[in-house]
Amino acid sequence: AETKIPDDMQGRSLVPVLEGNTPED
């Protein structure tokens, strides 16, 4: 949705993974 992810959420967005660019960390 191109909106801010709150800092207190404990997971991570899968968008880069879906795009084939899994972050190194």
PDBML (XML) file of the C-alpha atoms, coordinates in Angstrom:
<?xml version="1.0" encoding="UTF-8" ?>
<PDBx:datablock datablockName="MODEL"
   xmlns:PDBx="http://pdbml.pdb.org/schema/pdbx-v50.xsd"
   xmlns:xsi="http://www.w3.org/2001/XMLSchema-instance"
   xsi:schemaLocation="http://pdbml.pdb.org/schema/pdbx-v50.xsd pdbx-v50.xsd">
   <PDBx:atom_siteCategory>
      <PDBx:atom_site id="1">
         <PDBx:B_iso_or_equiv>0.00</PDBx:B_iso_or_equiv>
         <PDBx:Cartn_x>0.000</PDBx:Cartn_x>
         <PDBx:Cartn_y>0.000</PDBx:Cartn_y>
         <PDBx:Cartn_z>0.000</PDBx:Cartn_z>
         <PDBx:auth_asym_id>A</PDBx:auth_asym_id>
         <PDBx:auth_atom_id>CA</PDBx:auth_atom_id>
         <PDBx:auth_comp_id>ALA</PDBx:auth_comp_id>
         <PDBx:auth_seq_id>1</PDBx:auth_seq_id>
         <PDBx:group_PDB>ATOM</PDBx:group_PDB>
         <PDBx:label_alt_id xsi:nil="true" />
         <PDBx:label_asym_id>A</PDBx:label_asym_id>
         <PDBx:label_atom_id>CA</PDBx:label_atom_id>
         <PDBx:label_comp_id>ALA</PDBx:label_comp_id>
         <PDBx:label_entity_id>1</PDBx:label_entity_id>
         <PDBx:label_seq_id>1</PDBx:label_seq_id>
         <PDBx:occupancy>1.00</PDBx:occupancy>
         <PDBx:pdbx_PDB_model_num>1</PDBx:pdbx_PDB_model_num>
         <PDBx:type_symbol>C</PDBx:type_symbol>
      </PDBx:atom_site>
      <PDBx:atom_site id="2">
         <PDBx:B_iso_or_equiv>0.00</PDBx:B_iso_or_equiv>
         <PDBx:Cartn_x>3.107</PDBx:Cartn_x>
         <PDBx:Cartn_y>2.238</PDBx:Cartn_y>
         <PDBx:Cartn_z>0.021</PDBx:Cartn_z>
         <PDBx:auth_asym_id>A</PDBx:auth_asym_id>
         <PDBx:auth_atom_id>CA</PDBx:auth_atom_id>
         <PDBx:auth_comp_id>GLU</PDBx:auth_comp_id>
         <PDBx:auth_seq_id>2</PDBx:auth_seq_id>
         <PDBx:group_PDB>ATOM</PDBx:group_PDB>
         <PDBx:label_alt_id xsi:nil="true" />
         <PDBx:label_asym_id>A</PDBx:label_asym_id>
         <PDBx:label_atom_id>CA</PDBx:label_atom_id>
         <PDBx:label_comp_id>GLU</PDBx:label_comp_id>
         <PDBx:label_entity_id>1</PDBx:label_entity_id>
         <PDBx:label_seq_id>2</PDBx:label_seq_id>
         <PDBx:occupancy>1.00</PDBx:occupancy>
         <PDBx:pdbx_PDB_model_num>1</PDBx:pdbx_PDB_model_num>
         <PDBx:type_symbol>C</PDBx:type_symbol>
      </PDBx:atom_site>
      <PDBx:atom_site id="3">
         <PDBx:B_iso_or_equiv>0.00</PDBx:B_iso_or_equiv>
         <PDBx:Cartn_x>2.492</PDBx:Cartn_x>
         <PDBx:Cartn_y>3.347</PDBx:Cartn_y>
         <PDBx:Cartn_z>3.570</PDBx:Cartn_z>
         <PDBx:auth_asym_id>A</PDBx:auth_asym_id>
         <PDBx:auth_atom_id>CA</PDBx:auth_atom_id>
         <PDBx:auth_comp_id>THR</PDBx:auth_comp_id>
         <PDBx:auth_seq_id>3</PDBx:auth_seq_id>
         <PDBx:group_PDB>ATOM</PDBx:group_PDB>
         <PDBx:label_alt_id xsi:nil="true" />
         <PDBx:label_asym_id>A</PDBx:label_asym_id>
         <PDBx:label_atom_id>CA</PDBx:label_atom_id>
         <PDBx:label_comp_id>THR</PDBx:label_comp_id>
         <PDBx:label_entity_id>1</PDBx:label_entity_id>
         <PDBx:label_seq_id>3</PDBx:label_seq_id>
         <PDBx:occupancy>1.00</PDBx:occupancy>
         <PDBx:pdbx_PDB_model_num>1</PDBx:pdbx_PDB_model_num>
         <PDBx:type_symbol>C</PDBx:type_symbol>
      </PDBx:atom_site>
      <PDBx:atom_site id="4">
         <PDBx:B_iso_or_equiv>0.00</PDBx:B_iso_or_equiv>
         <PDBx:Cartn_x>4.672</PDBx:Cartn_x>
         <PDBx:Cartn_y>3.402</PDBx:Cartn_y>
         <PDBx:Cartn_z>6.678</PDBx:Cartn_z>
         <PDBx:auth_asym_id>A</PDBx:auth_asym_id>
         <PDBx:auth_atom_id>CA</PDBx:auth_atom_id>
         <PDBx:auth_comp_id>LYS</PDBx:auth_comp_id>
         <PDBx:auth_seq_id>4</PDBx:auth_seq_id>
         <PDBx:group_PDB>ATOM</PDBx:group_PDB>
         <PDBx:label_alt_id xsi:nil="true" />
         <PDBx:label_asym_id>A</PDBx:label_asym_id>
         <PDBx:label_atom_id>CA</PDBx:label_atom_id>
         <PDBx:label_comp_id>LYS</PDBx:label_comp_id>
         <PDBx:label_entity_id>1</PDBx:label_entity_id>
         <PDBx:label_seq_id>4</PDBx:label_seq_id>
         <PDBx:occupancy>1.00</PDBx:occupancy>
         <PDBx:pdbx_PDB_model_num>1</PDBx:pdbx_PDB_model_num>
         <PDBx:type_symbol>C</PDBx:type_symbol>
      </PDBx:atom_site>
      <PDBx:atom_site id="5">
         <PDBx:B_iso_or_equiv>0.00</PDBx:B_iso_or_equiv>
         <PDBx:Cartn_x>5.266</PDBx:Cartn_x>
         <PDBx:Cartn_y>0.169</PDBx:Cartn_y>
         <PDBx:Cartn_z>8.577</PDBx:Cartn_z>
         <PDBx:auth_asym_id>A</PDBx:auth_asym_id>
         <PDBx:auth_atom_id>CA</PDBx:auth_atom_id>
         <PDBx:auth_comp_id>ILE</PDBx:auth_comp_id>
         <PDBx:auth_seq_id>5</PDBx:auth_seq_id>
         <PDBx:group_PDB>ATOM</PDBx:group_PDB>
         <PDBx:label_alt_id xsi:nil="true" />
         <PDBx:label_asym_id>A</PDBx:label_asym_id>
         <PDBx:label_atom_id>CA</PDBx:label_atom_id>
         <PDBx:label_comp_id>ILE</PDBx:label_comp_id>
         <PDBx:label_entity_id>1</PDBx:label_entity_id>
         <PDBx:label_seq_id>5</PDBx:label_seq_id>
         <PDBx:occupancy>1.00</PDBx:occupancy>
         <PDBx:pdbx_PDB_model_num>1</PDBx:pdbx_PDB_model_num>
         <PDBx:type_symbol>C</PDBx:type_symbol>
      </PDBx:atom_site>
      <PDBx:atom_site id="6">
         <PDBx:B_iso_or_equiv>0.00</PDBx:B_iso_or_equiv>
         <PDBx:Cartn_x>5.094</PDBx:Cartn_x>
         <PDBx:Cartn_y>0.889</PDBx:Cartn_y>
         <PDBx:Cartn_z>12.341</PDBx:Cartn_z>
         <PDBx:auth_asym_id>A</PDBx:auth_asym_id>
         <PDBx:auth_atom_id>CA</PDBx:auth_atom_id>
         <PDBx:auth_comp_id>PRO</PDBx:auth_comp_id>
         <PDBx:auth_seq_id>6</PDBx:auth_seq_id>
         <PDBx:group_PDB>ATOM</PDBx:group_PDB>
         <PDBx:label_alt_id xsi:nil="true" />
         <PDBx:label_asym_id>A</PDBx:label_asym_id>
         <PDBx:label_atom_id>CA</PDBx:label_atom_id>
         <PDBx:label_comp_id>PRO</PDBx:label_comp_id>
         <PDBx:label_entity_id>1</PDBx:label_entity_id>
         <PDBx:label_seq_id>6</PDBx:label_seq_id>
         <PDBx:occupancy>1.00</PDBx:occupancy>
         <PDBx:pdbx_PDB_model_num>1</PDBx:pdbx_PDB_model_num>
         <PDBx:type_symbol>C</PDBx:type_symbol>
      </PDBx:atom_site>
      <PDBx:atom_site id="7">
         <PDBx:B_iso_or_equiv>0.00</PDBx:B_iso_or_equiv>
         <PDBx:Cartn_x>8.302</PDBx:Cartn_x>
         <PDBx:Cartn_y>0.313</PDBx:Cartn_y>
         <PDBx:Cartn_z>14.269</PDBx:Cartn_z>
         <PDBx:auth_asym_id>A</PDBx:auth_asym_id>
         <PDBx:auth_atom_id>CA</PDBx:auth_atom_id>
         <PDBx:auth_comp_id>ASP</PDBx:auth_comp_id>
         <PDBx:auth_seq_id>7</PDBx:auth_seq_id>
         <PDBx:group_PDB>ATOM</PDBx:group_PDB>
         <PDBx:label_alt_id xsi:nil="true" />
         <PDBx:label_asym_id>A</PDBx:label_asym_id>
         <PDBx:label_atom_id>CA</PDBx:label_atom_id>
         <PDBx:label_comp_id>ASP</PDBx:label_comp_id>
         <PDBx:label_entity_id>1</PDBx:label_entity_id>
         <PDBx:label_seq_id>7</PDBx:label_seq_id>
         <PDBx:occupancy>1.00</PDBx:occupancy>
         <PDBx:pdbx_PDB_model_num>1</PDBx:pdbx_PDB_model_num>
         <PDBx:type_symbol>C</PDBx:type_symbol>
      </PDBx:atom_site>
      <PDBx:atom_site id="8">
         <PDBx:B_iso_or_equiv>0.00</PDBx:B_iso_or_equiv>
         <PDBx:Cartn_x>6.559</PDBx:Cartn_x>
         <PDBx:Cartn_y>-1.904</PDBx:Cartn_y>
         <PDBx:Cartn_z>16.836</PDBx:Cartn_z>
         <PDBx:auth_asym_id>A</PDBx:auth_asym_id>
         <PDBx:auth_atom_id>CA</PDBx:auth_atom_id>
         <PDBx:auth_comp_id>ASP</PDBx:auth_comp_id>
         <PDBx:auth_seq_id>8</PDBx:auth_seq_id>
         <PDBx:group_PDB>ATOM</PDBx:group_PDB>
         <PDBx:label_alt_id xsi:nil="true" />
         <PDBx:label_asym_id>A</PDBx:label_asym_id>
         <PDBx:label_atom_id>CA</PDBx:label_atom_id>
         <PDBx:label_comp_id>ASP</PDBx:label_comp_id>
         <PDBx:label_entity_id>1</PDBx:label_entity_id>
         <PDBx:label_seq_id>8</PDBx:label_seq_id>
         <PDBx:occupancy>1.00</PDBx:occupancy>
         <PDBx:pdbx_PDB_model_num>1</PDBx:pdbx_PDB_model_num>
         <PDBx:type_symbol>C</PDBx:type_symbol>
      </PDBx:atom_site>
      <PDBx:atom_site id="9">
         <PDBx:B_iso_or_equiv>0.00</PDBx:B_iso_or_equiv>
         <PDBx:Cartn_x>5.632</PDBx:Cartn_x>
         <PDBx:Cartn_y>-4.555</PDBx:Cartn_y>
         <PDBx:Cartn_z>14.252</PDBx:Cartn_z>
         <PDBx:auth_asym_id>A</PDBx:auth_asym_id>
         <PDBx:auth_atom_id>CA</PDBx:auth_atom_id>
         <PDBx:auth_comp_id>MET</PDBx:auth_comp_id>
         <PDBx:auth_seq_id>9</PDBx:auth_seq_id>
         <PDBx:group_PDB>ATOM</PDBx:group_PDB>
         <PDBx:label_alt_id xsi:nil="true" />
         <PDBx:label_asym_id>A</PDBx:label_asym_id>
         <PDBx:label_atom_id>CA</PDBx:label_atom_id>
         <PDBx:label_comp_id>MET</PDBx:label_comp_id>
         <PDBx:label_entity_id>1</PDBx:label_entity_id>
         <PDBx:label_seq_id>9</PDBx:label_seq_id>
         <PDBx:occupancy>1.00</PDBx:occupancy>
         <PDBx:pdbx_PDB_model_num>1</PDBx:pdbx_PDB_model_num>
         <PDBx:type_symbol>C</PDBx:type_symbol>
      </PDBx:atom_site>
      <PDBx:atom_site id="10">
         <PDBx:B_iso_or_equiv>0.00</PDBx:B_iso_or_equiv>
         <PDBx:Cartn_x>7.965</PDBx:Cartn_x>
         <PDBx:Cartn_y>-7.518</PDBx:Cartn_y>
         <PDBx:Cartn_z>14.604</PDBx:Cartn_z>
         <PDBx:auth_asym_id>A</PDBx:auth_asym_id>
         <PDBx:auth_atom_id>CA</PDBx:auth_atom_id>
         <PDBx:auth_comp_id>GLN</PDBx:auth_comp_id>
         <PDBx:auth_seq_id>10</PDBx:auth_seq_id>
         <PDBx:group_PDB>ATOM</PDBx:group_PDB>
         <PDBx:label_alt_id xsi:nil="true" />
         <PDBx:label_asym_id>A</PDBx:label_asym_id>
         <PDBx:label_atom_id>CA</PDBx:label_atom_id>
         <PDBx:label_comp_id>GLN</PDBx:label_comp_id>
         <PDBx:label_entity_id>1</PDBx:label_entity_id>
         <PDBx:label_seq_id>10</PDBx:label_seq_id>
         <PDBx:occupancy>1.00</PDBx:occupancy>
         <PDBx:pdbx_PDB_model_num>1</PDBx:pdbx_PDB_model_num>
         <PDBx:type_symbol>C</PDBx:type_symbol>
      </PDBx:atom_site>
      <PDBx:atom_site id="11">
         <PDBx:B_iso_or_equiv>0.00</PDBx:B_iso_or_equiv>
         <PDBx:Cartn_x>8.055</PDBx:Cartn_x>
         <PDBx:Cartn_y>-8.997</PDBx:Cartn_y>
         <PDBx:Cartn_z>11.102</PDBx:Cartn_z>
         <PDBx:auth_asym_id>A</PDBx:auth_asym_id>
         <PDBx:auth_atom_id>CA</PDBx:auth_atom_id>
         <PDBx:auth_comp_id>GLY</PDBx:auth_comp_id>
         <PDBx:auth_seq_id>11</PDBx:auth_seq_id>
         <PDBx:group_PDB>ATOM</PDBx:group_PDB>
         <PDBx:label_alt_id xsi:nil="true" />
         <PDBx:label_asym_id>A</PDBx:label_asym_id>
         <PDBx:label_atom_id>CA</PDBx:label_atom_id>
         <PDBx:label_comp_id>GLY</PDBx:label_comp_id>
         <PDBx:label_entity_id>1</PDBx:label_entity_id>
         <PDBx:label_seq_id>11</PDBx:label_seq_id>
         <PDBx:occupancy>1.00</PDBx:occupancy>
         <PDBx:pdbx_PDB_model_num>1</PDBx:pdbx_PDB_model_num>
         <PDBx:type_symbol>C</PDBx:type_symbol>
      </PDBx:atom_site>
      <PDBx:atom_site id="12">
         <PDBx:B_iso_or_equiv>0.00</PDBx:B_iso_or_equiv>
         <PDBx:Cartn_x>9.385</PDBx:Cartn_x>
         <PDBx:Cartn_y>-7.740</PDBx:Cartn_y>
         <PDBx:Cartn_z>7.775</PDBx:Cartn_z>
         <PDBx:auth_asym_id>A</PDBx:auth_asym_id>
         <PDBx:auth_atom_id>CA</PDBx:auth_atom_id>
         <PDBx:auth_comp_id>ARG</PDBx:auth_comp_id>
         <PDBx:auth_seq_id>12</PDBx:auth_seq_id>
         <PDBx:group_PDB>ATOM</PDBx:group_PDB>
         <PDBx:label_alt_id xsi:nil="true" />
         <PDBx:label_asym_id>A</PDBx:label_asym_id>
         <PDBx:label_atom_id>CA</PDBx:label_atom_id>
         <PDBx:label_comp_id>ARG</PDBx:label_comp_id>
         <PDBx:label_entity_id>1</PDBx:label_entity_id>
         <PDBx:label_seq_id>12</PDBx:label_seq_id>
         <PDBx:occupancy>1.00</PDBx:occupancy>
         <PDBx:pdbx_PDB_model_num>1</PDBx:pdbx_PDB_model_num>
         <PDBx:type_symbol>C</PDBx:type_symbol>
      </PDBx:atom_site>
      <PDBx:atom_site id="13">
         <PDBx:B_iso_or_equiv>0.00</PDBx:B_iso_or_equiv>
         <PDBx:Cartn_x>7.798</PDBx:Cartn_x>
         <PDBx:Cartn_y>-6.984</PDBx:Cartn_y>
         <PDBx:Cartn_z>4.426</PDBx:Cartn_z>
         <PDBx:auth_asym_id>A</PDBx:auth_asym_id>
         <PDBx:auth_atom_id>CA</PDBx:auth_atom_id>
         <PDBx:auth_comp_id>SER</PDBx:auth_comp_id>
         <PDBx:auth_seq_id>13</PDBx:auth_seq_id>
         <PDBx:group_PDB>ATOM</PDBx:group_PDB>
         <PDBx:label_alt_id xsi:nil="true" />
         <PDBx:label_asym_id>A</PDBx:label_asym_id>
         <PDBx:label_atom_id>CA</PDBx:label_atom_id>
         <PDBx:label_comp_id>SER</PDBx:label_comp_id>
         <PDBx:label_entity_id>1</PDBx:label_entity_id>
         <PDBx:label_seq_id>13</PDBx:label_seq_id>
         <PDBx:occupancy>1.00</PDBx:occupancy>
         <PDBx:pdbx_PDB_model_num>1</PDBx:pdbx_PDB_model_num>
         <PDBx:type_symbol>C</PDBx:type_symbol>
      </PDBx:atom_site>
      <PDBx:atom_site id="14">
         <PDBx:B_iso_or_equiv>0.00</PDBx:B_iso_or_equiv>
         <PDBx:Cartn_x>7.929</PDBx:Cartn_x>
         <PDBx:Cartn_y>-9.783</PDBx:Cartn_y>
         <PDBx:Cartn_z>1.874</PDBx:Cartn_z>
         <PDBx:auth_asym_id>A</PDBx:auth_asym_id>
         <PDBx:auth_atom_id>CA</PDBx:auth_atom_id>
         <PDBx:auth_comp_id>LEU</PDBx:auth_comp_id>
         <PDBx:auth_seq_id>14</PDBx:auth_seq_id>
         <PDBx:group_PDB>ATOM</PDBx:group_PDB>
         <PDBx:label_alt_id xsi:nil="true" />
         <PDBx:label_asym_id>A</PDBx:label_asym_id>
         <PDBx:label_atom_id>CA</PDBx:label_atom_id>
         <PDBx:label_comp_id>LEU</PDBx:label_comp_id>
         <PDBx:label_entity_id>1</PDBx:label_entity_id>
         <PDBx:label_seq_id>14</PDBx:label_seq_id>
         <PDBx:occupancy>1.00</PDBx:occupancy>
         <PDBx:pdbx_PDB_model_num>1</PDBx:pdbx_PDB_model_num>
         <PDBx:type_symbol>C</PDBx:type_symbol>
      </PDBx:atom_site>
      <PDBx:atom_site id="15">
         <PDBx:B_iso_or_equiv>0.00</PDBx:B_iso_or_equiv>
         <PDBx:Cartn_x>7.822</PDBx:Cartn_x>
         <PDBx:Cartn_y>-7.325</PDBx:Cartn_y>
         <PDBx:Cartn_z>-1.047</PDBx:Cartn_z>
         <PDBx:auth_asym_id>A</PDBx:auth_asym_id>
         <PDBx:auth_atom_id>CA</PDBx:auth_atom_id>
         <PDBx:auth_comp_id>VAL</PDBx:auth_comp_id>
         <PDBx:auth_seq_id>15</PDBx:auth_seq_id>
         <PDBx:group_PDB>ATOM</PDBx:group_PDB>
         <PDBx:label_alt_id xsi:nil="true" />
         <PDBx:label_asym_id>A</PDBx:label_asym_id>
         <PDBx:label_atom_id>CA</PDBx:label_atom_id>
         <PDBx:label_comp_id>VAL</PDBx:label_comp_id>
         <PDBx:label_entity_id>1</PDBx:label_entity_id>
         <PDBx:label_seq_id>15</PDBx:label_seq_id>
         <PDBx:occupancy>1.00</PDBx:occupancy>
         <PDBx:pdbx_PDB_model_num>1</PDBx:pdbx_PDB_model_num>
         <PDBx:type_symbol>C</PDBx:type_symbol>
      </PDBx:atom_site>
      <PDBx:atom_site id="16">
         <PDBx:B_iso_or_equiv>0.00</PDBx:B_iso_or_equiv>
         <PDBx:Cartn_x>11.584</PDBx:Cartn_x>
         <PDBx:Cartn_y>-7.464</PDBx:Cartn_y>
         <PDBx:Cartn_z>-1.798</PDBx:Cartn_z>
         <PDBx:auth_asym_id>A</PDBx:auth_asym_id>
         <PDBx:auth_atom_id>CA</PDBx:auth_atom_id>
         <PDBx:auth_comp_id>PRO</PDBx:auth_comp_id>
         <PDBx:auth_seq_id>16</PDBx:auth_seq_id>
         <PDBx:group_PDB>ATOM</PDBx:group_PDB>
         <PDBx:label_alt_id xsi:nil="true" />
         <PDBx:label_asym_id>A</PDBx:label_asym_id>
         <PDBx:label_atom_id>CA</PDBx:label_atom_id>
         <PDBx:label_comp_id>PRO</PDBx:label_comp_id>
         <PDBx:label_entity_id>1</PDBx:label_entity_id>
         <PDBx:label_seq_id>16</PDBx:label_seq_id>
         <PDBx:occupancy>1.00</PDBx:occupancy>
         <PDBx:pdbx_PDB_model_num>1</PDBx:pdbx_PDB_model_num>
         <PDBx:type_symbol>C</PDBx:type_symbol>
      </PDBx:atom_site>
      <PDBx:atom_site id="17">
         <PDBx:B_iso_or_equiv>0.00</PDBx:B_iso_or_equiv>
         <PDBx:Cartn_x>11.457</PDBx:Cartn_x>
         <PDBx:Cartn_y>-11.259</PDBx:Cartn_y>
         <PDBx:Cartn_z>-1.513</PDBx:Cartn_z>
         <PDBx:auth_asym_id>A</PDBx:auth_asym_id>
         <PDBx:auth_atom_id>CA</PDBx:auth_atom_id>
         <PDBx:auth_comp_id>VAL</PDBx:auth_comp_id>
         <PDBx:auth_seq_id>17</PDBx:auth_seq_id>
         <PDBx:group_PDB>ATOM</PDBx:group_PDB>
         <PDBx:label_alt_id xsi:nil="true" />
         <PDBx:label_asym_id>A</PDBx:label_asym_id>
         <PDBx:label_atom_id>CA</PDBx:label_atom_id>
         <PDBx:label_comp_id>VAL</PDBx:label_comp_id>
         <PDBx:label_entity_id>1</PDBx:label_entity_id>
         <PDBx:label_seq_id>17</PDBx:label_seq_id>
         <PDBx:occupancy>1.00</PDBx:occupancy>
         <PDBx:pdbx_PDB_model_num>1</PDBx:pdbx_PDB_model_num>
         <PDBx:type_symbol>C</PDBx:type_symbol>
      </PDBx:atom_site>
      <PDBx:atom_site id="18">
         <PDBx:B_iso_or_equiv>0.00</PDBx:B_iso_or_equiv>
         <PDBx:Cartn_x>8.530</PDBx:Cartn_x>
         <PDBx:Cartn_y>-11.374</PDBx:Cartn_y>
         <PDBx:Cartn_z>-3.937</PDBx:Cartn_z>
         <PDBx:auth_asym_id>A</PDBx:auth_asym_id>
         <PDBx:auth_atom_id>CA</PDBx:auth_atom_id>
         <PDBx:auth_comp_id>LEU</PDBx:auth_comp_id>
         <PDBx:auth_seq_id>18</PDBx:auth_seq_id>
         <PDBx:group_PDB>ATOM</PDBx:group_PDB>
         <PDBx:label_alt_id xsi:nil="true" />
         <PDBx:label_asym_id>A</PDBx:label_asym_id>
         <PDBx:label_atom_id>CA</PDBx:label_atom_id>
         <PDBx:label_comp_id>LEU</PDBx:label_comp_id>
         <PDBx:label_entity_id>1</PDBx:label_entity_id>
         <PDBx:label_seq_id>18</PDBx:label_seq_id>
         <PDBx:occupancy>1.00</PDBx:occupancy>
         <PDBx:pdbx_PDB_model_num>1</PDBx:pdbx_PDB_model_num>
         <PDBx:type_symbol>C</PDBx:type_symbol>
      </PDBx:atom_site>
      <PDBx:atom_site id="19">
         <PDBx:B_iso_or_equiv>0.00</PDBx:B_iso_or_equiv>
         <PDBx:Cartn_x>10.484</PDBx:Cartn_x>
         <PDBx:Cartn_y>-9.191</PDBx:Cartn_y>
         <PDBx:Cartn_z>-6.348</PDBx:Cartn_z>
         <PDBx:auth_asym_id>A</PDBx:auth_asym_id>
         <PDBx:auth_atom_id>CA</PDBx:auth_atom_id>
         <PDBx:auth_comp_id>GLU</PDBx:auth_comp_id>
         <PDBx:auth_seq_id>19</PDBx:auth_seq_id>
         <PDBx:group_PDB>ATOM</PDBx:group_PDB>
         <PDBx:label_alt_id xsi:nil="true" />
         <PDBx:label_asym_id>A</PDBx:label_asym_id>
         <PDBx:label_atom_id>CA</PDBx:label_atom_id>
         <PDBx:label_comp_id>GLU</PDBx:label_comp_id>
         <PDBx:label_entity_id>1</PDBx:label_entity_id>
         <PDBx:label_seq_id>19</PDBx:label_seq_id>
         <PDBx:occupancy>1.00</PDBx:occupancy>
         <PDBx:pdbx_PDB_model_num>1</PDBx:pdbx_PDB_model_num>
         <PDBx:type_symbol>C</PDBx:type_symbol>
      </PDBx:atom_site>
      <PDBx:atom_site id="20">
         <PDBx:B_iso_or_equiv>0.00</PDBx:B_iso_or_equiv>
         <PDBx:Cartn_x>13.381</PDBx:Cartn_x>
         <PDBx:Cartn_y>-11.645</PDBx:Cartn_y>
         <PDBx:Cartn_z>-6.222</PDBx:Cartn_z>
         <PDBx:auth_asym_id>A</PDBx:auth_asym_id>
         <PDBx:auth_atom_id>CA</PDBx:auth_atom_id>
         <PDBx:auth_comp_id>GLY</PDBx:auth_comp_id>
         <PDBx:auth_seq_id>20</PDBx:auth_seq_id>
         <PDBx:group_PDB>ATOM</PDBx:group_PDB>
         <PDBx:label_alt_id xsi:nil="true" />
         <PDBx:label_asym_id>A</PDBx:label_asym_id>
         <PDBx:label_atom_id>CA</PDBx:label_atom_id>
         <PDBx:label_comp_id>GLY</PDBx:label_comp_id>
         <PDBx:label_entity_id>1</PDBx:label_entity_id>
         <PDBx:label_seq_id>20</PDBx:label_seq_id>
         <PDBx:occupancy>1.00</PDBx:occupancy>
         <PDBx:pdbx_PDB_model_num>1</PDBx:pdbx_PDB_model_num>
         <PDBx:type_symbol>C</PDBx:type_symbol>
      </PDBx:atom_site>
      <PDBx:atom_site id="21">
         <PDBx:B_iso_or_equiv>0.00</PDBx:B_iso_or_equiv>
         <PDBx:Cartn_x>15.609</PDBx:Cartn_x>
         <PDBx:Cartn_y>-9.392</PDBx:Cartn_y>
         <PDBx:Cartn_z>-4.124</PDBx:Cartn_z>
         <PDBx:auth_asym_id>A</PDBx:auth_asym_id>
         <PDBx:auth_atom_id>CA</PDBx:auth_atom_id>
         <PDBx:auth_comp_id>ASN</PDBx:auth_comp_id>
         <PDBx:auth_seq_id>21</PDBx:auth_seq_id>
         <PDBx:group_PDB>ATOM</PDBx:group_PDB>
         <PDBx:label_alt_id xsi:nil="true" />
         <PDBx:label_asym_id>A</PDBx:label_asym_id>
         <PDBx:label_atom_id>CA</PDBx:label_atom_id>
         <PDBx:label_comp_id>ASN</PDBx:label_comp_id>
         <PDBx:label_entity_id>1</PDBx:label_entity_id>
         <PDBx:label_seq_id>21</PDBx:label_seq_id>
         <PDBx:occupancy>1.00</PDBx:occupancy>
         <PDBx:pdbx_PDB_model_num>1</PDBx:pdbx_PDB_model_num>
         <PDBx:type_symbol>C</PDBx:type_symbol>
      </PDBx:atom_site>
      <PDBx:atom_site id="22">
         <PDBx:B_iso_or_equiv>0.00</PDBx:B_iso_or_equiv>
         <PDBx:Cartn_x>15.795</PDBx:Cartn_x>
         <PDBx:Cartn_y>-11.055</PDBx:Cartn_y>
         <PDBx:Cartn_z>-0.710</PDBx:Cartn_z>
         <PDBx:auth_asym_id>A</PDBx:auth_asym_id>
         <PDBx:auth_atom_id>CA</PDBx:auth_atom_id>
         <PDBx:auth_comp_id>THR</PDBx:auth_comp_id>
         <PDBx:auth_seq_id>22</PDBx:auth_seq_id>
         <PDBx:group_PDB>ATOM</PDBx:group_PDB>
         <PDBx:label_alt_id xsi:nil="true" />
         <PDBx:label_asym_id>A</PDBx:label_asym_id>
         <PDBx:label_atom_id>CA</PDBx:label_atom_id>
         <PDBx:label_comp_id>THR</PDBx:label_comp_id>
         <PDBx:label_entity_id>1</PDBx:label_entity_id>
         <PDBx:label_seq_id>22</PDBx:label_seq_id>
         <PDBx:occupancy>1.00</PDBx:occupancy>
         <PDBx:pdbx_PDB_model_num>1</PDBx:pdbx_PDB_model_num>
         <PDBx:type_symbol>C</PDBx:type_symbol>
      </PDBx:atom_site>
      <PDBx:atom_site id="23">
         <PDBx:B_iso_or_equiv>0.00</PDBx:B_iso_or_equiv>
         <PDBx:Cartn_x>17.775</PDBx:Cartn_x>
         <PDBx:Cartn_y>-8.713</PDBx:Cartn_y>
         <PDBx:Cartn_z>1.590</PDBx:Cartn_z>
         <PDBx:auth_asym_id>A</PDBx:auth_asym_id>
         <PDBx:auth_atom_id>CA</PDBx:auth_atom_id>
         <PDBx:auth_comp_id>PRO</PDBx:auth_comp_id>
         <PDBx:auth_seq_id>23</PDBx:auth_seq_id>
         <PDBx:group_PDB>ATOM</PDBx:group_PDB>
         <PDBx:label_alt_id xsi:nil="true" />
         <PDBx:label_asym_id>A</PDBx:label_asym_id>
         <PDBx:label_atom_id>CA</PDBx:label_atom_id>
         <PDBx:label_comp_id>PRO</PDBx:label_comp_id>
         <PDBx:label_entity_id>1</PDBx:label_entity_id>
         <PDBx:label_seq_id>23</PDBx:label_seq_id>
         <PDBx:occupancy>1.00</PDBx:occupancy>
         <PDBx:pdbx_PDB_model_num>1</PDBx:pdbx_PDB_model_num>
         <PDBx:type_symbol>C</PDBx:type_symbol>
      </PDBx:atom_site>
      <PDBx:atom_site id="24">
         <PDBx:B_iso_or_equiv>0.00</PDBx:B_iso_or_equiv>
         <PDBx:Cartn_x>21.182</PDBx:Cartn_x>
         <PDBx:Cartn_y>-9.986</PDBx:Cartn_y>
         <PDBx:Cartn_z>2.668</PDBx:Cartn_z>
         <PDBx:auth_asym_id>A</PDBx:auth_asym_id>
         <PDBx:auth_atom_id>CA</PDBx:auth_atom_id>
         <PDBx:auth_comp_id>GLU</PDBx:auth_comp_id>
         <PDBx:auth_seq_id>24</PDBx:auth_seq_id>
         <PDBx:group_PDB>ATOM</PDBx:group_PDB>
         <PDBx:label_alt_id xsi:nil="true" />
         <PDBx:label_asym_id>A</PDBx:label_asym_id>
         <PDBx:label_atom_id>CA</PDBx:label_atom_id>
         <PDBx:label_comp_id>GLU</PDBx:label_comp_id>
         <PDBx:label_entity_id>1</PDBx:label_entity_id>
         <PDBx:label_seq_id>24</PDBx:label_seq_id>
         <PDBx:occupancy>1.00</PDBx:occupancy>
         <PDBx:pdbx_PDB_model_num>1</PDBx:pdbx_PDB_model_num>
         <PDBx:type_symbol>C</PDBx:type_symbol>
      </PDBx:atom_site>
      <PDBx:atom_site id="25">
         <PDBx:B_iso_or_equiv>0.00</PDBx:B_iso_or_equiv>
         <PDBx:Cartn_x>20.183</PDBx:Cartn_x>
         <PDBx:Cartn_y>-9.633</PDBx:Cartn_y>
         <PDBx:Cartn_z>6.328</PDBx:Cartn_z>
         <PDBx:auth_asym_id>A</PDBx:auth_asym_id>
         <PDBx:auth_atom_id>CA</PDBx:auth_atom_id>
         <PDBx:auth_comp_id>ASP</PDBx:auth_comp_id>
         <PDBx:auth_seq_id>25</PDBx:auth_seq_id>
         <PDBx:group_PDB>ATOM</PDBx:group_PDB>
         <PDBx:label_alt_id xsi:nil="true" />
         <PDBx:label_asym_id>A</PDBx:label_asym_id>
         <PDBx:label_atom_id>CA</PDBx:label_atom_id>
         <PDBx:label_comp_id>ASP</PDBx:label_comp_id>
         <PDBx:label_entity_id>1</PDBx:label_entity_id>
         <PDBx:label_seq_id>25</PDBx:label_seq_id>
         <PDBx:occupancy>1.00</PDBx:occupancy>
         <PDBx:pdbx_PDB_model_num>1</PDBx:pdbx_PDB_model_num>
         <PDBx:type_symbol>C</PDBx:type_symbol>
      </PDBx:atom_site>
   </PDBx:atom_siteCategory>
</PDBx:datablock>
